[in-house]
């Protein structure tokens, strides 16, 4: 779960004043988490603003998904080939009607 940051937390993190954080928020540069009565910022959103690219998957999970995608692509090509053959076989029948 992502930690929510207060304005003070973010000001300390960025080594700026709380007033600067408030200004960024009013300008729409940073967006607080909606639906919370106090002002809190999603740490993932802040990391993205800081230019830190977050990986959603571990290398093992990523490799597993890449393999699954490759298998699905191969299956898709087989199905396209079957469909193409069926359509070409049915072409004479379809043209008769």
PDB file of N, CA and C in Angstrom:
ATOM      1  N   UNK A   1       0.844  -1.184   0.000  1.00  0.00           N
ATOM      2  CA  UNK A   1       0.000   0.000   0.000  1.00  0.00           C
ATOM      3  C   UNK A   1       0.885   1.242   0.000  1.00  0.00           C
ATOM      4  N   UNK A   2       0.503   2.231  -0.775  1.00  0.00           N
ATOM      5  CA  UNK A   2       1.274   3.457  -0.856  1.00  0.00           C
ATOM      6  C   UNK A   2       1.045   4.312   0.379  1.00  0.00           C
ATOM      7  N   UNK A   3       2.119   4.884   0.870  1.00  0.00           N
ATOM      8  CA  UNK A   3       2.020   5.779   2.018  1.00  0.00           C
ATOM      9  C   UNK A   3       1.518   7.131   1.529  1.00  0.00           C
ATOM     10  N   UNK A   4       0.620   7.712   2.294  1.00  0.00           N
ATOM     11  CA  UNK A   4       0.135   9.047   1.971  1.00  0.00           C
ATOM     12  C   UNK A   4       1.016  10.064   2.688  1.00  0.00           C
ATOM     13  N   UNK A   5       1.376  11.116   1.975  1.00  0.00           N
ATOM     14  CA  UNK A   5       2.257  12.147   2.515  1.00  0.00           C
ATOM     15  C   UNK A   5       1.455  13.400   2.855  1.00  0.00           C
ATOM     16  N   UNK A   6       1.797  14.023   3.971  1.00  0.00           N
ATOM     17  CA  UNK A   6       1.197  15.303   4.328  1.00  0.00           C
ATOM     18  C   UNK A   6       1.953  16.408   3.591  1.00  0.00           C
ATOM     19  N   UNK A   7       1.410  17.613   3.658  1.00  0.00           N
ATOM     20  CA  UNK A   7       2.119  18.748   3.058  1.00  0.00           C
ATOM     21  C   UNK A   7       3.487  18.926   3.733  1.00  0.00           C
ATOM     22  N   UNK A   8       3.513  18.730   5.062  1.00  0.00           N
ATOM     23  CA  UNK A   8       4.772  18.860   5.804  1.00  0.00           C
ATOM     24  C   UNK A   8       5.778  17.802   5.344  1.00  0.00           C
ATOM     25  N   UNK A   9       5.301  16.549   5.200  1.00  0.00           N
ATOM     26  CA  UNK A   9       6.180  15.477   4.720  1.00  0.00           C
ATOM     27  C   UNK A   9       6.791  15.846   3.364  1.00  0.00           C
ATOM     28  N   UNK A  10       5.945  16.328   2.479  1.00  0.00           N
ATOM     29  CA  UNK A  10       6.397  16.656   1.127  1.00  0.00           C
ATOM     30  C   UNK A  10       7.340  17.858   1.133  1.00  0.00           C
ATOM     31  N   UNK A  11       7.029  18.842   1.972  1.00  0.00           N
ATOM     32  CA  UNK A  11       7.906  20.019   2.078  1.00  0.00           C
ATOM     33  C   UNK A  11       9.295  19.598   2.568  1.00  0.00           C
ATOM     34  N   UNK A  12       9.333  18.725   3.555  1.00  0.00           N
ATOM     35  CA  UNK A  12      10.620  18.238   4.055  1.00  0.00           C
ATOM     36  C   UNK A  12      11.346  17.419   2.991  1.00  0.00           C
ATOM     37  N   UNK A  13      10.598  16.594   2.297  1.00  0.00           N
ATOM     38  CA  UNK A  13      11.182  15.746   1.260  1.00  0.00           C
ATOM     39  C   UNK A  13      11.817  16.587   0.159  1.00  0.00           C
ATOM     40  N   UNK A  14      11.107  17.632  -0.264  1.00  0.00           N
ATOM     41  CA  UNK A  14      11.600  18.477  -1.347  1.00  0.00           C
ATOM     42  C   UNK A  14      12.438  19.658  -0.842  1.00  0.00           C
ATOM     43  N   UNK A  15      12.570  19.768   0.454  1.00  0.00           N
ATOM     44  CA  UNK A  15      13.348  20.844   1.099  1.00  0.00           C
ATOM     45  C   UNK A  15      12.863  22.229   0.661  1.00  0.00           C
ATOM     46  N   UNK A  16      11.533  22.383   0.733  1.00  0.00           N
ATOM     47  CA  UNK A  16      10.909  23.672   0.438  1.00  0.00           C
ATOM     48  C   UNK A  16       9.896  23.963   1.542  1.00  0.00           C
ATOM     49  N   UNK A  17       9.294  25.145   1.490  1.00  0.00           N
ATOM     50  CA  UNK A  17       8.331  25.526   2.526  1.00  0.00           C
ATOM     51  C   UNK A  17       6.960  24.905   2.254  1.00  0.00           C
ATOM     52  N   UNK A  18       6.169  24.860   3.303  1.00  0.00           N
ATOM     53  CA  UNK A  18       4.796  24.370   3.160  1.00  0.00           C
ATOM     54  C   UNK A  18       4.007  25.307   2.252  1.00  0.00           C
ATOM     55  N   UNK A  19       4.315  26.600   2.314  1.00  0.00           N
ATOM     56  CA  UNK A  19       3.652  27.574   1.437  1.00  0.00           C
ATOM     57  C   UNK A  19       3.914  27.247  -0.028  1.00  0.00           C
ATOM     58  N   UNK A  20       5.128  26.795  -0.342  1.00  0.00           N
ATOM     59  CA  UNK A  20       5.448  26.406  -1.719  1.00  0.00           C
ATOM     60  C   UNK A  20       4.613  25.194  -2.132  1.00  0.00           C
ATOM     61  N   UNK A  21       4.449  24.242  -1.222  1.00  0.00           N
ATOM     62  CA  UNK A  21       3.612  23.066  -1.499  1.00  0.00           C
ATOM     63  C   UNK A  21       2.177  23.507  -1.755  1.00  0.00           C
ATOM     64  N   UNK A  22       1.664  24.417  -0.923  1.00  0.00           N
ATOM     65  CA  UNK A  22       0.305  24.934  -1.105  1.00  0.00           C
ATOM     66  C   UNK A  22       0.170  25.626  -2.457  1.00  0.00           C
ATOM     67  N   UNK A  23       1.174  26.365  -2.840  1.00  0.00           N
ATOM     68  CA  UNK A  23       1.171  27.043  -4.131  1.00  0.00           C
ATOM     69  C   UNK A  23       1.152  26.033  -5.284  1.00  0.00           C
ATOM     70  N   UNK A  24       1.982  25.003  -5.192  1.00  0.00           N
ATOM     71  CA  UNK A  24       1.998  23.951  -6.221  1.00  0.00           C
ATOM     72  C   UNK A  24       0.626  23.279  -6.329  1.00  0.00           C
ATOM     73  N   UNK A  25       0.007  23.076  -5.172  1.00  0.00           N
ATOM     74  CA  UNK A  25      -1.304  22.435  -5.153  1.00  0.00           C
ATOM     75  C   UNK A  25      -2.339  23.338  -5.813  1.00  0.00           C
ATOM     76  N   UNK A  26      -2.318  24.641  -5.500  1.00  0.00           N
ATOM     77  CA  UNK A  26      -3.270  25.583  -6.080  1.00  0.00           C
ATOM     78  C   UNK A  26      -3.064  25.737  -7.589  1.00  0.00           C
ATOM     79  N   UNK A  27      -1.811  25.597  -8.033  1.00  0.00           N
ATOM     80  CA  UNK A  27      -1.512  25.689  -9.463  1.00  0.00           C
ATOM     81  C   UNK A  27      -1.815  24.389 -10.208  1.00  0.00           C
ATOM     82  N   UNK A  28      -2.132  23.327  -9.468  1.00  0.00           N
ATOM     83  CA  UNK A  28      -2.434  22.046 -10.085  1.00  0.00           C
ATOM     84  C   UNK A  28      -1.206  21.232 -10.437  1.00  0.00           C
ATOM     85  N   UNK A  29      -0.039  21.644  -9.949  1.00  0.00           N
ATOM     86  CA  UNK A  29       1.199  20.909 -10.215  1.00  0.00           C
ATOM     87  C   UNK A  29       1.188  19.584  -9.464  1.00  0.00           C
ATOM     88  N   UNK A  30       0.722  19.622  -8.225  1.00  0.00           N
ATOM     89  CA  UNK A  30       0.555  18.399  -7.441  1.00  0.00           C
ATOM     90  C   UNK A  30      -0.914  18.286  -7.061  1.00  0.00           C
ATOM     91  N   UNK A  31      -1.393  17.070  -7.015  1.00  0.00           N
ATOM     92  CA  UNK A  31      -2.810  16.839  -6.747  1.00  0.00           C
ATOM     93  C   UNK A  31      -2.975  15.984  -5.502  1.00  0.00           C
ATOM     94  N   UNK A  32      -3.744  16.467  -4.535  1.00  0.00           N
ATOM     95  CA  UNK A  32      -3.984  15.652  -3.344  1.00  0.00           C
ATOM     96  C   UNK A  32      -4.922  14.486  -3.659  1.00  0.00           C
ATOM     97  N   UNK A  33      -4.905  13.503  -2.789  1.00  0.00           N
ATOM     98  CA  UNK A  33      -5.792  12.347  -2.930  1.00  0.00           C
ATOM     99  C   UNK A  33      -7.219  12.823  -2.656  1.00  0.00           C
ATOM    100  N   UNK A  34      -8.153  12.553  -3.588  1.00  0.00           N
ATOM    101  CA  UNK A  34      -9.531  12.990  -3.365  1.00  0.00           C
ATOM    102  C   UNK A  34     -10.235  12.109  -2.332  1.00  0.00           C
ATOM    103  N   UNK A  35     -11.247  12.678  -1.684  1.00  0.00           N
ATOM    104  CA  UNK A  35     -12.079  11.914  -0.768  1.00  0.00           C
ATOM    105  C   UNK A  35     -11.537  11.786   0.645  1.00  0.00           C
ATOM    106  N   UNK A  36     -10.426  12.455   0.929  1.00  0.00           N
ATOM    107  CA  UNK A  36      -9.857  12.422   2.274  1.00  0.00           C
ATOM    108  C   UNK A  36     -10.026  13.827   2.859  1.00  0.00           C
ATOM    109  N   UNK A  37     -10.518  13.924   4.090  1.00  0.00           N
ATOM    110  CA  UNK A  37     -10.792  15.255   4.655  1.00  0.00           C
ATOM    111  C   UNK A  37      -9.551  16.133   4.804  1.00  0.00           C
ATOM    112  N   UNK A  38      -8.380  15.528   5.025  1.00  0.00           N
ATOM    113  CA  UNK A  38      -7.168  16.342   5.127  1.00  0.00           C
ATOM    114  C   UNK A  38      -6.369  16.200   3.826  1.00  0.00           C
ATOM    115  N   UNK A  39      -5.455  17.120   3.619  1.00  0.00           N
ATOM    116  CA  UNK A  39      -4.668  17.119   2.387  1.00  0.00           C
ATOM    117  C   UNK A  39      -3.559  16.078   2.503  1.00  0.00           C
ATOM    118  N   UNK A  40      -3.624  15.087   1.612  1.00  0.00           N
ATOM    119  CA  UNK A  40      -2.620  14.025   1.572  1.00  0.00           C
ATOM    120  C   UNK A  40      -2.260  13.767   0.110  1.00  0.00           C
ATOM    121  N   UNK A  41      -1.007  13.381  -0.093  1.00  0.00           N
ATOM    122  CA  UNK A  41      -0.518  13.120  -1.436  1.00  0.00           C
ATOM    123  C   UNK A  41      -0.104  11.660  -1.552  1.00  0.00           C
ATOM    124  N   UNK A  42      -0.437  11.057  -2.685  1.00  0.00           N
ATOM    125  CA  UNK A  42      -0.071   9.676  -2.960  1.00  0.00           C
ATOM    126  C   UNK A  42       1.430   9.619  -3.249  1.00  0.00           C
ATOM    127  N   UNK A  43       2.150   8.754  -2.545  1.00  0.00           N
ATOM    128  CA  UNK A  43       3.609   8.686  -2.712  1.00  0.00           C
ATOM    129  C   UNK A  43       3.994   8.266  -4.125  1.00  0.00           C
ATOM    130  N   UNK A  44       3.180   7.420  -4.774  1.00  0.00           N
ATOM    131  CA  UNK A  44       3.483   7.009  -6.148  1.00  0.00           C
ATOM    132  C   UNK A  44       3.385   8.209  -7.090  1.00  0.00           C
ATOM    133  N   UNK A  45       2.380   9.043  -6.894  1.00  0.00           N
ATOM    134  CA  UNK A  45       2.223  10.255  -7.706  1.00  0.00           C
ATOM    135  C   UNK A  45       3.444  11.171  -7.523  1.00  0.00           C
ATOM    136  N   UNK A  46       3.892  11.299  -6.290  1.00  0.00           N
ATOM    137  CA  UNK A  46       5.057  12.149  -6.008  1.00  0.00           C
ATOM    138  C   UNK A  46       6.311  11.570  -6.667  1.00  0.00           C
ATOM    139  N   UNK A  47       6.491  10.254  -6.584  1.00  0.00           N
ATOM    140  CA  UNK A  47       7.647   9.621  -7.230  1.00  0.00           C
ATOM    141  C   UNK A  47       7.635   9.853  -8.737  1.00  0.00           C
ATOM    142  N   UNK A  48       6.451   9.793  -9.341  1.00  0.00           N
ATOM    143  CA  UNK A  48       6.340  10.042 -10.777  1.00  0.00           C
ATOM    144  C   UNK A  48       6.703  11.491 -11.100  1.00  0.00           C
ATOM    145  N   UNK A  49       6.263  12.429 -10.246  1.00  0.00           N
ATOM    146  CA  UNK A  49       6.624  13.834 -10.441  1.00  0.00           C
ATOM    147  C   UNK A  49       8.132  14.042 -10.318  1.00  0.00           C
ATOM    148  N   UNK A  50       8.736  13.263  -9.446  1.00  0.00           N
ATOM    149  CA  UNK A  50      10.178  13.374  -9.230  1.00  0.00           C
ATOM    150  C   UNK A  50      10.973  12.696 -10.344  1.00  0.00           C
ATOM    151  N   UNK A  51      10.259  12.026 -11.243  1.00  0.00           N
ATOM    152  CA  UNK A  51      10.942  11.387 -12.364  1.00  0.00           C
ATOM    153  C   UNK A  51      11.398   9.980 -12.073  1.00  0.00           C
ATOM    154  N   UNK A  52      10.895   9.396 -10.996  1.00  0.00           N
ATOM    155  CA  UNK A  52      11.248   8.024 -10.658  1.00  0.00           C
ATOM    156  C   UNK A  52      10.246   7.108 -11.328  1.00  0.00           C
ATOM    157  N   UNK A  53      10.733   6.257 -12.215  1.00  0.00           N
ATOM    158  CA  UNK A  53       9.844   5.318 -12.899  1.00  0.00           C
ATOM    159  C   UNK A  53       9.656   4.104 -12.009  1.00  0.00           C
ATOM    160  N   UNK A  54       8.399   3.798 -11.730  1.00  0.00           N
ATOM    161  CA  UNK A  54       8.093   2.667 -10.869  1.00  0.00           C
ATOM    162  C   UNK A  54       7.750   1.454 -11.716  1.00  0.00           C
ATOM    163  N   UNK A  55       8.291   0.324 -11.337  1.00  0.00           N
ATOM    164  CA  UNK A  55       7.973  -0.928 -12.013  1.00  0.00           C
ATOM    165  C   UNK A  55       6.792  -1.561 -11.305  1.00  0.00           C
ATOM    166  N   UNK A  56       5.784  -1.939 -12.073  1.00  0.00           N
ATOM    167  CA  UNK A  56       4.594  -2.537 -11.478  1.00  0.00           C
ATOM    168  C   UNK A  56       4.803  -4.011 -11.176  1.00  0.00           C
ATOM    169  N   UNK A  57       5.750  -4.646 -11.876  1.00  0.00           N
ATOM    170  CA  UNK A  57       5.949  -6.079 -11.723  1.00  0.00           C
ATOM    171  C   UNK A  57       7.402  -6.384 -11.402  1.00  0.00           C
ATOM    172  N   UNK A  58       7.601  -7.460 -10.685  1.00  0.00           N
ATOM    173  CA  UNK A  58       8.963  -7.933 -10.434  1.00  0.00           C
ATOM    174  C   UNK A  58       9.496  -8.509 -11.748  1.00  0.00           C
ATOM    175  N   UNK A  59      10.809  -8.676 -11.871  1.00  0.00           N
ATOM    176  CA  UNK A  59      11.359  -9.260 -13.100  1.00  0.00           C
ATOM    177  C   UNK A  59      10.769 -10.644 -13.406  1.00  0.00           C
ATOM    178  N   UNK A  60      10.499 -11.433 -12.387  1.00  0.00           N
ATOM    179  CA  UNK A  60       9.915 -12.767 -12.600  1.00  0.00           C
ATOM    180  C   UNK A  60       8.491 -12.634 -13.148  1.00  0.00           C
ATOM    181  N   UNK A  61       7.700 -11.744 -12.531  1.00  0.00           N
ATOM    182  CA  UNK A  61       6.332 -11.536 -12.995  1.00  0.00           C
ATOM    183  C   UNK A  61       6.327 -10.998 -14.429  1.00  0.00           C
ATOM    184  N   UNK A  62       7.234 -10.066 -14.694  1.00  0.00           N
ATOM    185  CA  UNK A  62       7.319  -9.470 -16.035  1.00  0.00           C
ATOM    186  C   UNK A  62       7.634 -10.543 -17.078  1.00  0.00           C
ATOM    187  N   UNK A  63       8.619 -11.404 -16.778  1.00  0.00           N
ATOM    188  CA  UNK A  63       9.006 -12.459 -17.721  1.00  0.00           C
ATOM    189  C   UNK A  63       7.851 -13.428 -17.946  1.00  0.00           C
ATOM    190  N   UNK A  64       7.125 -13.769 -16.876  1.00  0.00           N
ATOM    191  CA  UNK A  64       5.969 -14.656 -16.990  1.00  0.00           C
ATOM    192  C   UNK A  64       4.907 -14.038 -17.905  1.00  0.00           C
ATOM    193  N   UNK A  65       4.644 -12.758 -17.723  1.00  0.00           N
ATOM    194  CA  UNK A  65       3.657 -12.078 -18.565  1.00  0.00           C
ATOM    195  C   UNK A  65       4.117 -11.979 -20.016  1.00  0.00           C
ATOM    196  N   UNK A  66       5.416 -11.747 -20.217  1.00  0.00           N
ATOM    197  CA  UNK A  66       5.943 -11.687 -21.580  1.00  0.00           C
ATOM    198  C   UNK A  66       5.783 -13.035 -22.280  1.00  0.00           C
ATOM    199  N   UNK A  67       6.052 -14.130 -21.555  1.00  0.00           N
ATOM    200  CA  UNK A  67       5.864 -15.473 -22.130  1.00  0.00           C
ATOM    201  C   UNK A  67       4.394 -15.705 -22.467  1.00  0.00           C
ATOM    202  N   UNK A  68       3.516 -15.315 -21.558  1.00  0.00           N
ATOM    203  CA  UNK A  68       2.083 -15.483 -21.782  1.00  0.00           C
ATOM    204  C   UNK A  68       1.628 -14.692 -23.010  1.00  0.00           C
ATOM    205  N   UNK A  69       2.132 -13.497 -23.170  1.00  0.00           N
ATOM    206  CA  UNK A  69       1.798 -12.671 -24.339  1.00  0.00           C
ATOM    207  C   UNK A  69       2.271 -13.356 -25.613  1.00  0.00           C
ATOM    208  N   UNK A  70       3.471 -13.906 -25.594  1.00  0.00           N
ATOM    209  CA  UNK A  70       4.017 -14.587 -26.774  1.00  0.00           C
ATOM    210  C   UNK A  70       3.162 -15.797 -27.139  1.00  0.00           C
ATOM    211  N   UNK A  71       2.743 -16.578 -26.139  1.00  0.00           N
ATOM    212  CA  UNK A  71       1.878 -17.737 -26.389  1.00  0.00           C
ATOM    213  C   UNK A  71       0.539 -17.288 -26.984  1.00  0.00           C
ATOM    214  N   UNK A  72      -0.017 -16.223 -26.445  1.00  0.00           N
ATOM    215  CA  UNK A  72      -1.292 -15.716 -26.958  1.00  0.00           C
ATOM    216  C   UNK A  72      -1.150 -15.176 -28.382  1.00  0.00           C
ATOM    217  N   UNK A  73      -0.021 -14.549 -28.691  1.00  0.00           N
ATOM    218  CA  UNK A  73       0.218 -14.078 -30.066  1.00  0.00           C
ATOM    219  C   UNK A  73       0.275 -15.254 -31.030  1.00  0.00           C
ATOM    220  N   UNK A  74       0.967 -16.323 -30.636  1.00  0.00           N
ATOM    221  CA  UNK A  74       1.051 -17.514 -31.487  1.00  0.00           C
ATOM    222  C   UNK A  74      -0.332 -18.133 -31.687  1.00  0.00           C
ATOM    223  N   UNK A  75      -1.091 -18.222 -30.614  1.00  0.00           N
ATOM    224  CA  UNK A  75      -2.445 -18.769 -30.700  1.00  0.00           C
ATOM    225  C   UNK A  75      -3.316 -17.909 -31.612  1.00  0.00           C
ATOM    226  N   UNK A  76      -3.166 -16.612 -31.496  1.00  0.00           N
ATOM    227  CA  UNK A  76      -3.918 -15.676 -32.333  1.00  0.00           C
ATOM    228  C   UNK A  76      -3.588 -15.894 -33.808  1.00  0.00           C
ATOM    229  N   UNK A  77      -2.306 -16.068 -34.125  1.00  0.00           N
ATOM    230  CA  UNK A  77      -1.903 -16.299 -35.512  1.00  0.00           C
ATOM    231  C   UNK A  77      -2.481 -17.612 -36.040  1.00  0.00           C
ATOM    232  N   UNK A  78      -2.473 -18.660 -35.213  1.00  0.00           N
ATOM    233  CA  UNK A  78      -3.060 -19.945 -35.620  1.00  0.00           C
ATOM    234  C   UNK A  78      -4.548 -19.780 -35.919  1.00  0.00           C
ATOM    235  N   UNK A  79      -5.244 -19.079 -35.035  1.00  0.00           N
ATOM    236  CA  UNK A  79      -6.683 -18.882 -35.225  1.00  0.00           C
ATOM    237  C   UNK A  79      -6.978 -18.050 -36.472  1.00  0.00           C
ATOM    238  N   UNK A  80      -6.157 -17.056 -36.741  1.00  0.00           N
ATOM    239  CA  UNK A  80      -6.317 -16.259 -37.956  1.00  0.00           C
ATOM    240  C   UNK A  80      -6.131 -17.135 -39.189  1.00  0.00           C
ATOM    241  N   UNK A  81      -5.131 -18.002 -39.129  1.00  0.00           N
ATOM    242  CA  UNK A  81      -4.864 -18.902 -40.244  1.00  0.00           C
ATOM    243  C   UNK A  81      -6.041 -19.849 -40.469  1.00  0.00           C
ATOM    244  N   UNK A  82      -6.569 -20.424 -39.406  1.00  0.00           N
ATOM    245  CA  UNK A  82      -7.724 -21.325 -39.513  1.00  0.00           C
ATOM    246  C   UNK A  82      -8.929 -20.581 -40.086  1.00  0.00           C
ATOM    247  N   UNK A  83      -9.172 -19.397 -39.560  1.00  0.00           N
ATOM    248  CA  UNK A  83     -10.297 -18.600 -40.027  1.00  0.00           C
ATOM    249  C   UNK A  83     -10.147 -18.245 -41.501  1.00  0.00           C
ATOM    250  N   UNK A  84      -8.942 -17.885 -41.890  1.00  0.00           N
ATOM    251  CA  UNK A  84      -8.675 -17.556 -43.286  1.00  0.00           C
ATOM    252  C   UNK A  84      -8.949 -18.755 -44.190  1.00  0.00           C
ATOM    253  N   UNK A  85      -8.501 -19.932 -43.776  1.00  0.00           N
ATOM    254  CA  UNK A  85      -8.718 -21.154 -44.562  1.00  0.00           C
ATOM    255  C   UNK A  85     -10.207 -21.462 -44.651  1.00  0.00           C
ATOM    256  N   UNK A  86     -10.930 -21.357 -43.541  1.00  0.00           N
ATOM    257  CA  UNK A  86     -12.368 -21.619 -43.548  1.00  0.00           C
ATOM    258  C   UNK A  86     -13.080 -20.647 -44.476  1.00  0.00           C
ATOM    259  N   UNK A  87     -12.724 -19.394 -44.421  1.00  0.00           N
ATOM    260  CA  UNK A  87     -13.358 -18.400 -45.283  1.00  0.00           C
ATOM    261  C   UNK A  87     -13.052 -18.654 -46.751  1.00  0.00           C
ATOM    262  N   UNK A  88     -11.813 -19.045 -47.049  1.00  0.00           N
ATOM    263  CA  UNK A  88     -11.481 -19.321 -48.450  1.00  0.00           C
ATOM    264  C   UNK A  88     -12.206 -20.570 -48.940  1.00  0.00           C
ATOM    265  N   UNK A  89     -12.379 -21.573 -48.053  1.00  0.00           N
ATOM    266  CA  UNK A  89     -13.126 -22.772 -48.432  1.00  0.00           C
ATOM    267  C   UNK A  89     -14.608 -22.474 -48.634  1.00  0.00           C
ATOM    268  N   UNK A  90     -15.132 -21.525 -47.881  1.00  0.00           N
ATOM    269  CA  UNK A  90     -16.554 -21.180 -47.985  1.00  0.00           C
ATOM    270  C   UNK A  90     -16.848 -20.142 -49.062  1.00  0.00           C
ATOM    271  N   UNK A  91     -15.829 -19.524 -49.594  1.00  0.00           N
ATOM    272  CA  UNK A  91     -16.025 -18.465 -50.594  1.00  0.00           C
ATOM    273  C   UNK A  91     -16.901 -18.920 -51.759  1.00  0.00           C
ATOM    274  N   UNK A  92     -16.653 -20.105 -52.338  1.00  0.00           N
ATOM    275  CA  UNK A  92     -17.524 -20.523 -53.444  1.00  0.00           C
ATOM    276  C   UNK A  92     -18.995 -20.697 -53.025  1.00  0.00           C
ATOM    277  N   UNK A  93     -19.211 -21.191 -51.817  1.00  0.00           N
ATOM    278  CA  UNK A  93     -20.575 -21.391 -51.325  1.00  0.00           C
ATOM    279  C   UNK A  93     -21.248 -20.053 -51.089  1.00  0.00           C
ATOM    280  N   UNK A  94     -20.530 -19.124 -50.512  1.00  0.00           N
ATOM    281  CA  UNK A  94     -21.085 -17.796 -50.221  1.00  0.00           C
ATOM    282  C   UNK A  94     -21.434 -17.070 -51.512  1.00  0.00           C
ATOM    283  N   UNK A  95     -20.615 -17.212 -52.546  1.00  0.00           N
ATOM    284  CA  UNK A  95     -20.861 -16.526 -53.832  1.00  0.00           C
ATOM    285  C   UNK A  95     -22.057 -17.098 -54.557  1.00  0.00           C
ATOM    286  N   UNK A  96     -22.453 -18.339 -54.265  1.00  0.00           N
ATOM    287  CA  UNK A  96     -23.601 -18.942 -54.924  1.00  0.00           C
ATOM    288  C   UNK A  96     -24.921 -18.309 -54.497  1.00  0.00           C
ATOM    289  N   UNK A  97     -24.970 -17.816 -53.271  1.00  0.00           N
ATOM    290  CA  UNK A  97     -26.213 -17.267 -52.740  1.00  0.00           C
ATOM    291  C   UNK A  97     -26.434 -15.868 -53.136  1.00  0.00           C
TER     292      UNK A  97
END
